[in-house]
Amino acid sequence: VVIVQTRSRGKVAFTKYHKVRHAIVILQARKRGKISRSKYIEILCAVIAIQATWRGLVARSRYLQIRYAVNVLQGITHMKAVRSEFLSMKNAAIVIQTWM
């Protein structure tokens, strides 16, 4: 009778131990999953911030290149217009001077 009771109590204790151990393993897994997800979200936010900063730098660089090119083209266009006006005035002055 003592042996049966001992084995019965041992089986009950063993079953309870396994249930508690299983619950602990599940809780640990959930906690690790939560920590992993929060680290992933933190890294994802950092990556998005770096990408946004890089895209901004690239966009600003392209904008400045285009702006510089537009300024150069406007300068050339203005120079040609002013030079054309100057040459027509010079030719007019030469015509006037030849008649005097």
PDB file of N, CA and C in Angstrom:
ATOM      1  N   VAL A   1       0.835  -1.186   0.000  1.00  0.00           N
ATOM      2  CA  VAL A   1       0.000   0.000   0.000  1.00  0.00           C
ATOM      3  C   VAL A   1       0.883   1.254   0.000  1.00  0.00           C
ATOM      4  N   VAL A   2       1.939   1.250   0.741  1.00  0.00           N
ATOM      5  CA  VAL A   2       2.833   2.398   0.817  1.00  0.00           C
ATOM      6  C   VAL A   2       3.499   2.618  -0.545  1.00  0.00           C
ATOM      7  N   ILE A   3       3.872   1.585  -1.213  1.00  0.00           N
ATOM      8  CA  ILE A   3       4.505   1.701  -2.513  1.00  0.00           C
ATOM      9  C   ILE A   3       3.528   2.290  -3.525  1.00  0.00           C
ATOM     10  N   VAL A   4       2.292   1.856  -3.491  1.00  0.00           N
ATOM     11  CA  VAL A   4       1.278   2.373  -4.411  1.00  0.00           C
ATOM     12  C   VAL A   4       1.044   3.842  -4.143  1.00  0.00           C
ATOM     13  N   GLN A   5       0.934   4.212  -2.878  1.00  0.00           N
ATOM     14  CA  GLN A   5       0.712   5.621  -2.531  1.00  0.00           C
ATOM     15  C   GLN A   5       1.922   6.471  -2.965  1.00  0.00           C
ATOM     16  N   THR A   6       3.113   5.938  -2.749  1.00  0.00           N
ATOM     17  CA  THR A   6       4.321   6.669  -3.114  1.00  0.00           C
ATOM     18  C   THR A   6       4.370   6.895  -4.618  1.00  0.00           C
ATOM     19  N   ARG A   7       4.088   5.836  -5.349  1.00  0.00           N
ATOM     20  CA  ARG A   7       4.105   5.981  -6.811  1.00  0.00           C
ATOM     21  C   ARG A   7       2.985   6.897  -7.287  1.00  0.00           C
ATOM     22  N   SER A   8       1.841   6.836  -6.668  1.00  0.00           N
ATOM     23  CA  SER A   8       0.713   7.697  -7.045  1.00  0.00           C
ATOM     24  C   SER A   8       1.055   9.161  -6.786  1.00  0.00           C
ATOM     25  N   ARG A   9       1.614   9.396  -5.578  1.00  0.00           N
ATOM     26  CA  ARG A   9       2.012  10.774  -5.262  1.00  0.00           C
ATOM     27  C   ARG A   9       3.118  11.241  -6.220  1.00  0.00           C
ATOM     28  N   GLY A  10       4.043  10.358  -6.545  1.00  0.00           N
ATOM     29  CA  GLY A  10       5.120  10.693  -7.481  1.00  0.00           C
ATOM     30  C   GLY A  10       4.565  11.046  -8.853  1.00  0.00           C
ATOM     31  N   LYS A  11       3.581  10.268  -9.309  1.00  0.00           N
ATOM     32  CA  LYS A  11       2.980  10.548 -10.619  1.00  0.00           C
ATOM     33  C   LYS A  11       2.251  11.876 -10.586  1.00  0.00           C
ATOM     34  N   VAL A  12       1.511  12.156  -9.510  1.00  0.00           N
ATOM     35  CA  VAL A  12       0.792  13.436  -9.396  1.00  0.00           C
ATOM     36  C   VAL A  12       1.797  14.590  -9.370  1.00  0.00           C
ATOM     37  N   ALA A  13       2.881  14.436  -8.611  1.00  0.00           N
ATOM     38  CA  ALA A  13       3.900  15.486  -8.530  1.00  0.00           C
ATOM     39  C   ALA A  13       4.576  15.664  -9.888  1.00  0.00           C
ATOM     40  N   PHE A  14       4.861  14.541 -10.563  1.00  0.00           N
ATOM     41  CA  PHE A  14       5.495  14.602 -11.883  1.00  0.00           C
ATOM     42  C   PHE A  14       4.586  15.300 -12.894  1.00  0.00           C
ATOM     43  N   THR A  15       3.288  14.992 -12.874  1.00  0.00           N
ATOM     44  CA  THR A  15       2.325  15.628 -13.779  1.00  0.00           C
ATOM     45  C   THR A  15       2.225  17.121 -13.479  1.00  0.00           C
ATOM     46  N   LYS A  16       2.145  17.460 -12.196  1.00  0.00           N
ATOM     47  CA  LYS A  16       2.075  18.882 -11.816  1.00  0.00           C
ATOM     48  C   LYS A  16       3.351  19.612 -12.253  1.00  0.00           C
ATOM     49  N   TYR A  17       4.518  18.968 -12.056  1.00  0.00           N
ATOM     50  CA  TYR A  17       5.788  19.558 -12.468  1.00  0.00           C
ATOM     51  C   TYR A  17       5.795  19.814 -13.975  1.00  0.00           C
ATOM     52  N   HIS A  18       5.333  18.860 -14.758  1.00  0.00           N
ATOM     53  CA  HIS A  18       5.308  19.028 -16.209  1.00  0.00           C
ATOM     54  C   HIS A  18       4.352  20.133 -16.634  1.00  0.00           C
ATOM     55  N   LYS A  19       3.201  20.235 -15.971  1.00  0.00           N
ATOM     56  CA  LYS A  19       2.258  21.316 -16.305  1.00  0.00           C
ATOM     57  C   LYS A  19       2.872  22.671 -15.991  1.00  0.00           C
ATOM     58  N   VAL A  20       3.484  22.789 -14.837  1.00  0.00           N
ATOM     59  CA  VAL A  20       4.114  24.059 -14.448  1.00  0.00           C
ATOM     60  C   VAL A  20       5.269  24.374 -15.396  1.00  0.00           C
ATOM     61  N   ARG A  21       6.081  23.371 -15.710  1.00  0.00           N
ATOM     62  CA  ARG A  21       7.212  23.578 -16.610  1.00  0.00           C
ATOM     63  C   ARG A  21       6.728  23.998 -18.002  1.00  0.00           C
ATOM     64  N   HIS A  22       5.681  23.349 -18.470  1.00  0.00           N
ATOM     65  CA  HIS A  22       5.118  23.695 -19.777  1.00  0.00           C
ATOM     66  C   HIS A  22       4.603  25.143 -19.779  1.00  0.00           C
ATOM     67  N   ALA A  23       3.925  25.530 -18.699  1.00  0.00           N
ATOM     68  CA  ALA A  23       3.415  26.907 -18.593  1.00  0.00           C
ATOM     69  C   ALA A  23       4.572  27.903 -18.573  1.00  0.00           C
ATOM     70  N   ILE A  24       5.636  27.565 -17.854  1.00  0.00           N
ATOM     71  CA  ILE A  24       6.800  28.458 -17.788  1.00  0.00           C
ATOM     72  C   ILE A  24       7.457  28.583 -19.158  1.00  0.00           C
ATOM     73  N   VAL A  25       7.587  27.487 -19.869  1.00  0.00           N
ATOM     74  CA  VAL A  25       8.196  27.509 -21.201  1.00  0.00           C
ATOM     75  C   VAL A  25       7.361  28.372 -22.145  1.00  0.00           C
ATOM     76  N   ILE A  26       6.042  28.246 -22.077  1.00  0.00           N
ATOM     77  CA  ILE A  26       5.154  29.064 -22.929  1.00  0.00           C
ATOM     78  C   ILE A  26       5.296  30.541 -22.586  1.00  0.00           C
ATOM     79  N   LEU A  27       5.313  30.872 -21.286  1.00  0.00           N
ATOM     80  CA  LEU A  27       5.472  32.278 -20.882  1.00  0.00           C
ATOM     81  C   LEU A  27       6.812  32.838 -21.347  1.00  0.00           C
ATOM     82  N   GLN A  28       7.876  32.037 -21.216  1.00  0.00           N
ATOM     83  CA  GLN A  28       9.190  32.492 -21.662  1.00  0.00           C
ATOM     84  C   GLN A  28       9.202  32.714 -23.173  1.00  0.00           C
ATOM     85  N   ALA A  29       8.577  31.822 -23.902  1.00  0.00           N
ATOM     86  CA  ALA A  29       8.532  31.962 -25.363  1.00  0.00           C
ATOM     87  C   ALA A  29       7.763  33.218 -25.759  1.00  0.00           C
ATOM     88  N   ARG A  30       6.644  33.461 -25.099  1.00  0.00           N
ATOM     89  CA  ARG A  30       5.873  34.671 -25.400  1.00  0.00           C
ATOM     90  C   ARG A  30       6.672  35.924 -25.083  1.00  0.00           C
ATOM     91  N   LYS A  31       7.363  35.908 -23.941  1.00  0.00           N
ATOM     92  CA  LYS A  31       8.174  37.074 -23.558  1.00  0.00           C
ATOM     93  C   LYS A  31       9.299  37.294 -24.561  1.00  0.00           C
ATOM     94  N   ARG A  32       9.973  36.208 -24.965  1.00  0.00           N
ATOM     95  CA  ARG A  32      11.033  36.344 -25.969  1.00  0.00           C
ATOM     96  C   ARG A  32      10.478  36.866 -27.284  1.00  0.00           C
ATOM     97  N   GLY A  33       9.289  36.379 -27.656  1.00  0.00           N
ATOM     98  CA  GLY A  33       8.657  36.862 -28.886  1.00  0.00           C
ATOM     99  C   GLY A  33       8.343  38.341 -28.806  1.00  0.00           C
ATOM    100  N   LYS A  34       7.825  38.770 -27.654  1.00  0.00           N
ATOM    101  CA  LYS A  34       7.504  40.189 -27.485  1.00  0.00           C
ATOM    102  C   LYS A  34       8.765  41.044 -27.549  1.00  0.00           C
ATOM    103  N   ILE A  35       9.828  40.589 -26.907  1.00  0.00           N
ATOM    104  CA  ILE A  35      11.092  41.330 -26.938  1.00  0.00           C
ATOM    105  C   ILE A  35      11.635  41.384 -28.365  1.00  0.00           C
ATOM    106  N   SER A  36      11.564  40.247 -29.066  1.00  0.00           N
ATOM    107  CA  SER A  36      12.053  40.211 -30.454  1.00  0.00           C
ATOM    108  C   SER A  36      11.252  41.157 -31.341  1.00  0.00           C
ATOM    109  N   ARG A  37       9.937  41.167 -31.177  1.00  0.00           N
ATOM    110  CA  ARG A  37       9.104  42.067 -31.987  1.00  0.00           C
ATOM    111  C   ARG A  37       9.407  43.526 -31.682  1.00  0.00           C
ATOM    112  N   SER A  38       9.593  43.856 -30.416  1.00  0.00           N
ATOM    113  CA  SER A  38       9.888  45.252 -30.081  1.00  0.00           C
ATOM    114  C   SER A  38      11.264  45.660 -30.622  1.00  0.00           C
ATOM    115  N   LYS A  39      12.242  44.759 -30.568  1.00  0.00           N
ATOM    116  CA  LYS A  39      13.556  45.066 -31.150  1.00  0.00           C
ATOM    117  C   LYS A  39      13.451  45.225 -32.659  1.00  0.00           C
ATOM    118  N   TYR A  40      12.649  44.357 -33.285  1.00  0.00           N
ATOM    119  CA  TYR A  40      12.448  44.451 -34.730  1.00  0.00           C
ATOM    120  C   TYR A  40      11.821  45.791 -35.100  1.00  0.00           C
ATOM    121  N   ILE A  41      10.805  46.202 -34.350  1.00  0.00           N
ATOM    122  CA  ILE A  41      10.142  47.483 -34.633  1.00  0.00           C
ATOM    123  C   ILE A  41      11.117  48.636 -34.419  1.00  0.00           C
ATOM    124  N   GLU A  42      11.944  48.544 -33.396  1.00  0.00           N
ATOM    125  CA  GLU A  42      12.935  49.595 -33.131  1.00  0.00           C
ATOM    126  C   GLU A  42      13.936  49.688 -34.290  1.00  0.00           C
ATOM    127  N   ILE A  43      14.415  48.540 -34.745  1.00  0.00           N
ATOM    128  CA  ILE A  43      15.360  48.521 -35.866  1.00  0.00           C
ATOM    129  C   ILE A  43      14.680  49.021 -37.133  1.00  0.00           C
ATOM    130  N   LEU A  44      13.433  48.608 -37.349  1.00  0.00           N
ATOM    131  CA  LEU A  44      12.692  49.048 -38.531  1.00  0.00           C
ATOM    132  C   LEU A  44      12.530  50.567 -38.545  1.00  0.00           C
ATOM    133  N   CYS A  45      12.206  51.151 -37.405  1.00  0.00           N
ATOM    134  CA  CYS A  45      12.074  52.612 -37.326  1.00  0.00           C
ATOM    135  C   CYS A  45      13.411  53.299 -37.611  1.00  0.00           C
ATOM    136  N   ALA A  46      14.491  52.732 -37.103  1.00  0.00           N
ATOM    137  CA  ALA A  46      15.813  53.308 -37.360  1.00  0.00           C
ATOM    138  C   ALA A  46      16.161  53.225 -38.844  1.00  0.00           C
ATOM    139  N   VAL A  47      15.852  52.101 -39.462  1.00  0.00           N
ATOM    140  CA  VAL A  47      16.135  51.931 -40.892  1.00  0.00           C
ATOM    141  C   VAL A  47      15.314  52.921 -41.721  1.00  0.00           C
ATOM    142  N   ILE A  48      14.045  53.089 -41.355  1.00  0.00           N
ATOM    143  CA  ILE A  48      13.188  54.031 -42.083  1.00  0.00           C
ATOM    144  C   ILE A  48      13.729  55.456 -41.939  1.00  0.00           C
ATOM    145  N   ALA A  49      14.195  55.809 -40.739  1.00  0.00           N
ATOM    146  CA  ALA A  49      14.746  57.146 -40.526  1.00  0.00           C
ATOM    147  C   ALA A  49      16.017  57.348 -41.363  1.00  0.00           C
ATOM    148  N   ILE A  50      16.870  56.334 -41.408  1.00  0.00           N
ATOM    149  CA  ILE A  50      18.098  56.439 -42.212  1.00  0.00           C
ATOM    150  C   ILE A  50      17.760  56.563 -43.691  1.00  0.00           C
ATOM    151  N   GLN A  51      16.801  55.751 -44.156  1.00  0.00           N
ATOM    152  CA  GLN A  51      16.410  55.813 -45.565  1.00  0.00           C
ATOM    153  C   GLN A  51      15.824  57.177 -45.914  1.00  0.00           C
ATOM    154  N   ALA A  52      14.983  57.710 -45.030  1.00  0.00           N
ATOM    155  CA  ALA A  52      14.382  59.019 -45.295  1.00  0.00           C
ATOM    156  C   ALA A  52      15.455  60.101 -45.352  1.00  0.00           C
ATOM    157  N   THR A  53      16.409  60.036 -44.434  1.00  0.00           N
ATOM    158  CA  THR A  53      17.494  61.014 -44.436  1.00  0.00           C
ATOM    159  C   THR A  53      18.318  60.902 -45.717  1.00  0.00           C
ATOM    160  N   TRP A  54      18.634  59.680 -46.116  1.00  0.00           N
ATOM    161  CA  TRP A  54      19.421  59.478 -47.338  1.00  0.00           C
ATOM    162  C   TRP A  54      18.666  59.986 -48.561  1.00  0.00           C
ATOM    163  N   ARG A  55      17.373  59.648 -48.660  1.00  0.00           N
ATOM    164  CA  ARG A  55      16.589  60.117 -49.802  1.00  0.00           C
ATOM    165  C   ARG A  55      16.521  61.639 -49.830  1.00  0.00           C
ATOM    166  N   GLY A  56      16.413  62.251 -48.653  1.00  0.00           N
ATOM    167  CA  GLY A  56      16.399  63.706 -48.584  1.00  0.00           C
ATOM    168  C   GLY A  56      17.707  64.303 -49.076  1.00  0.00           C
ATOM    169  N   LEU A  57      18.827  63.693 -48.654  1.00  0.00           N
ATOM    170  CA  LEU A  57      20.129  64.184 -49.107  1.00  0.00           C
ATOM    171  C   LEU A  57      20.271  64.056 -50.622  1.00  0.00           C
ATOM    172  N   VAL A  58      19.850  62.925 -51.156  1.00  0.00           N
ATOM    173  CA  VAL A  58      19.944  62.710 -52.607  1.00  0.00           C
ATOM    174  C   VAL A  58      19.051  63.704 -53.343  1.00  0.00           C
ATOM    175  N   ALA A  59      17.834  63.902 -52.841  1.00  0.00           N
ATOM    176  CA  ALA A  59      16.903  64.828 -53.499  1.00  0.00           C
ATOM    177  C   ALA A  59      17.439  66.257 -53.463  1.00  0.00           C
ATOM    178  N   ARG A  60      17.986  66.668 -52.303  1.00  0.00           N
ATOM    179  CA  ARG A  60      18.551  68.017 -52.210  1.00  0.00           C
ATOM    180  C   ARG A  60      19.737  68.178 -53.149  1.00  0.00           C
ATOM    181  N   SER A  61      20.574  67.153 -53.232  1.00  0.00           N
ATOM    182  CA  SER A  61      21.734  67.211 -54.125  1.00  0.00           C
ATOM    183  C   SER A  61      21.290  67.359 -55.580  1.00  0.00           C
ATOM    184  N   ARG A  62      20.315  66.562 -55.989  1.00  0.00           N
ATOM    185  CA  ARG A  62      19.811  66.666 -57.363  1.00  0.00           C
ATOM    186  C   ARG A  62      19.176  68.033 -57.612  1.00  0.00           C
ATOM    187  N   TYR A  63      18.416  68.513 -56.626  1.00  0.00           N
ATOM    188  CA  TYR A  63      17.784  69.822 -56.767  1.00  0.00           C
ATOM    189  C   TYR A  63      18.838  70.909 -56.968  1.00  0.00           C
ATOM    190  N   LEU A  64      19.900  70.874 -56.174  1.00  0.00           N
ATOM    191  CA  LEU A  64      20.947  71.893 -56.295  1.00  0.00           C
ATOM    192  C   LEU A  64      21.670  71.794 -57.635  1.00  0.00           C
ATOM    193  N   GLN A  65      21.878  70.576 -58.127  1.00  0.00           N
ATOM    194  CA  GLN A  65      22.504  70.413 -59.443  1.00  0.00           C
ATOM    195  C   GLN A  65      21.615  71.003 -60.536  1.00  0.00           C
ATOM    196  N   ILE A  66      20.332  70.701 -60.464  1.00  0.00           N
ATOM    197  CA  ILE A  66      19.397  71.225 -61.471  1.00  0.00           C
ATOM    198  C   ILE A  66      19.314  72.738 -61.371  1.00  0.00           C
ATOM    199  N   ARG A  67      19.256  73.253 -60.133  1.00  0.00           N
ATOM    200  CA  ARG A  67      19.185  74.704 -59.950  1.00  0.00           C
ATOM    201  C   ARG A  67      20.422  75.390 -60.515  1.00  0.00           C
ATOM    202  N   TYR A  68      21.591  74.807 -60.278  1.00  0.00           N
ATOM    203  CA  TYR A  68      22.827  75.378 -60.821  1.00  0.00           C
ATOM    204  C   TYR A  68      22.795  75.363 -62.347  1.00  0.00           C
ATOM    205  N   ALA A  69      22.357  74.233 -62.928  1.00  0.00           N
ATOM    206  CA  ALA A  69      22.286  74.134 -64.391  1.00  0.00           C
ATOM    207  C   ALA A  69      21.306  75.157 -64.960  1.00  0.00           C
ATOM    208  N   VAL A  70      20.171  75.353 -64.298  1.00  0.00           N
ATOM    209  CA  VAL A  70      19.191  76.348 -64.756  1.00  0.00           C
ATOM    210  C   VAL A  70      19.790  77.746 -64.679  1.00  0.00           C
ATOM    211  N   ASN A  71      20.501  78.043 -63.603  1.00  0.00           N
ATOM    212  CA  ASN A  71      21.131  79.366 -63.472  1.00  0.00           C
ATOM    213  C   ASN A  71      22.156  79.590 -64.582  1.00  0.00           C
ATOM    214  N   VAL A  72      22.923  78.557 -64.900  1.00  0.00           N
ATOM    215  CA  VAL A  72      23.919  78.687 -65.975  1.00  0.00           C
ATOM    216  C   VAL A  72      23.213  78.953 -67.299  1.00  0.00           C
ATOM    217  N   LEU A  73      22.165  78.164 -67.591  1.00  0.00           N
ATOM    218  CA  LEU A  73      21.434  78.348 -68.851  1.00  0.00           C
ATOM    219  C   LEU A  73      20.773  79.727 -68.927  1.00  0.00           C
ATOM    220  N   GLN A  74      20.213  80.187 -67.816  1.00  0.00           N
ATOM    221  CA  GLN A  74      19.606  81.523 -67.807  1.00  0.00           C
ATOM    222  C   GLN A  74      20.672  82.590 -68.048  1.00  0.00           C
ATOM    223  N   GLY A  75      21.843  82.394 -67.438  1.00  0.00           N
ATOM    224  CA  GLY A  75      22.931  83.346 -67.647  1.00  0.00           C
ATOM    225  C   GLY A  75      23.366  83.388 -69.104  1.00  0.00           C
ATOM    226  N   ILE A  76      23.477  82.220 -69.716  1.00  0.00           N
ATOM    227  CA  ILE A  76      23.875  82.160 -71.127  1.00  0.00           C
ATOM    228  C   ILE A  76      22.819  82.836 -72.004  1.00  0.00           C
ATOM    229  N   THR A  77      21.551  82.531 -71.733  1.00  0.00           N
ATOM    230  CA  THR A  77      20.462  83.133 -72.513  1.00  0.00           C
ATOM    231  C   THR A  77      20.458  84.643 -72.368  1.00  0.00           C
ATOM    232  N   HIS A  78      20.614  85.118 -71.133  1.00  0.00           N
ATOM    233  CA  HIS A  78      20.635  86.565 -70.888  1.00  0.00           C
ATOM    234  C   HIS A  78      21.849  87.197 -71.588  1.00  0.00           C
ATOM    235  N   MET A  79      22.997  86.526 -71.505  1.00  0.00           N
ATOM    236  CA  MET A  79      24.198  87.041 -72.145  1.00  0.00           C
ATOM    237  C   MET A  79      23.996  87.167 -73.664  1.00  0.00           C
ATOM    238  N   LYS A  80      23.384  86.140 -74.269  1.00  0.00           N
ATOM    239  CA  LYS A  80      23.167  86.190 -75.715  1.00  0.00           C
ATOM    240  C   LYS A  80      22.223  87.327 -76.087  1.00  0.00           C
ATOM    241  N   ALA A  81      21.174  87.524 -75.282  1.00  0.00           N
ATOM    242  CA  ALA A  81      20.229  88.606 -75.580  1.00  0.00           C
ATOM    243  C   ALA A  81      20.901  89.967 -75.447  1.00  0.00           C
ATOM    244  N   VAL A  82      21.660  90.153 -74.375  1.00  0.00           N
ATOM    245  CA  VAL A  82      22.339  91.434 -74.157  1.00  0.00           C
ATOM    246  C   VAL A  82      23.404  91.655 -75.231  1.00  0.00           C
ATOM    247  N   ARG A  83      24.129  90.599 -75.593  1.00  0.00           N
ATOM    248  CA  ARG A  83      25.154  90.727 -76.621  1.00  0.00           C
ATOM    249  C   ARG A  83      24.530  91.077 -77.981  1.00  0.00           C
ATOM    250  N   SER A  84      23.401  90.433 -78.279  1.00  0.00           N
ATOM    251  CA  SER A  84      22.714  90.727 -79.539  1.00  0.00           C
ATOM    252  C   SER A  84      22.271  92.197 -79.572  1.00  0.00           C
ATOM    253  N   GLU A  85      21.720  92.651 -78.440  1.00  0.00           N
ATOM    254  CA  GLU A  85      21.304  94.066 -78.362  1.00  0.00           C
ATOM    255  C   GLU A  85      22.511  94.991 -78.499  1.00  0.00           C
ATOM    256  N   PHE A  86      23.613  94.641 -77.826  1.00  0.00           N
ATOM    257  CA  PHE A  86      24.829  95.443 -77.906  1.00  0.00           C
ATOM    258  C   PHE A  86      25.349  95.509 -79.344  1.00  0.00           C
ATOM    259  N   LEU A  87      25.379  94.348 -80.019  1.00  0.00           N
ATOM    260  CA  LEU A  87      25.895  94.334 -81.391  1.00  0.00           C
ATOM    261  C   LEU A  87      24.999  95.134 -82.333  1.00  0.00           C
ATOM    262  N   SER A  88      23.681  95.064 -82.133  1.00  0.00           N
ATOM    263  CA  SER A  88      22.807  95.865 -82.997  1.00  0.00           C
ATOM    264  C   SER A  88      23.015  97.356 -82.732  1.00  0.00           C
ATOM    265  N   MET A  89      23.223  97.744 -81.470  1.00  0.00           N
ATOM    266  CA  MET A  89      23.496  99.156 -81.159  1.00  0.00           C
ATOM    267  C   MET A  89      24.856  99.577 -81.720  1.00  0.00           C
ATOM    268  N   LYS A  90      25.820  98.649 -81.639  1.00  0.00           N
ATOM    269  CA  LYS A  90      27.147  98.963 -82.178  1.00  0.00           C
ATOM    270  C   LYS A  90      27.074  99.161 -83.689  1.00  0.00           C
ATOM    271  N   ASN A  91      26.350  98.263 -84.365  1.00  0.00           N
ATOM    272  CA  ASN A  91      26.184  98.404 -85.809  1.00  0.00           C
ATOM    273  C   ASN A  91      25.440  99.694 -86.162  1.00  0.00           C
ATOM    274  N   ALA A  92      24.431 100.040 -85.356  1.00  0.00           N
ATOM    275  CA  ALA A  92      23.713 101.288 -85.609  1.00  0.00           C
ATOM    276  C   ALA A  92      24.639 102.473 -85.428  1.00  0.00           C
ATOM    277  N   ALA A  93      25.498 102.434 -84.408  1.00  0.00           N
ATOM    278  CA  ALA A  93      26.441 103.515 -84.167  1.00  0.00           C
ATOM    279  C   ALA A  93      27.427 103.615 -85.336  1.00  0.00           C
ATOM    280  N   ILE A  94      27.873 102.490 -85.834  1.00  0.00           N
ATOM    281  CA  ILE A  94      28.799 102.500 -86.962  1.00  0.00           C
ATOM    282  C   ILE A  94      28.135 103.094 -88.207  1.00  0.00           C
ATOM    283  N   VAL A  95      26.849 102.723 -88.413  1.00  0.00           N
ATOM    284  CA  VAL A  95      26.118 103.274 -89.571  1.00  0.00           C
ATOM    285  C   VAL A  95      25.980 104.780 -89.418  1.00  0.00           C
ATOM    286  N   ILE A  96      25.643 105.227 -88.220  1.00  0.00           N
ATOM    287  CA  ILE A  96      25.486 106.678 -87.993  1.00  0.00           C
ATOM    288  C   ILE A  96      26.826 107.370 -88.212  1.00  0.00           C
ATOM    289  N   GLN A  97      27.887 106.788 -87.701  1.00  0.00           N
ATOM    290  CA  GLN A  97      29.204 107.422 -87.835  1.00  0.00           C
ATOM    291  C   GLN A  97      29.680 107.450 -89.288  1.00  0.00           C
ATOM    292  N   THR A  98      29.307 106.444 -90.048  1.00  0.00           N
ATOM    293  CA  THR A  98      29.738 106.483 -91.456  1.00  0.00           C
ATOM    294  C   THR A  98      29.015 107.564 -92.228  1.00  0.00           C
ATOM    295  N   TRP A  99      27.821 107.939 -91.846  1.00  0.00           N
ATOM    296  CA  TRP A  99      27.079 108.969 -92.550  1.00  0.00           C
ATOM    297  C   TRP A  99      27.466 110.366 -92.108  1.00  0.00           C
ATOM    298  N   MET A 100      28.217 110.482 -91.053  1.00  0.00           N
ATOM    299  CA  MET A 100      28.583 111.812 -90.575  1.00  0.00           C
ATOM    300  C   MET A 100      29.853 112.266 -91.142  1.00  0.00           C
TER     301      MET A 100
END
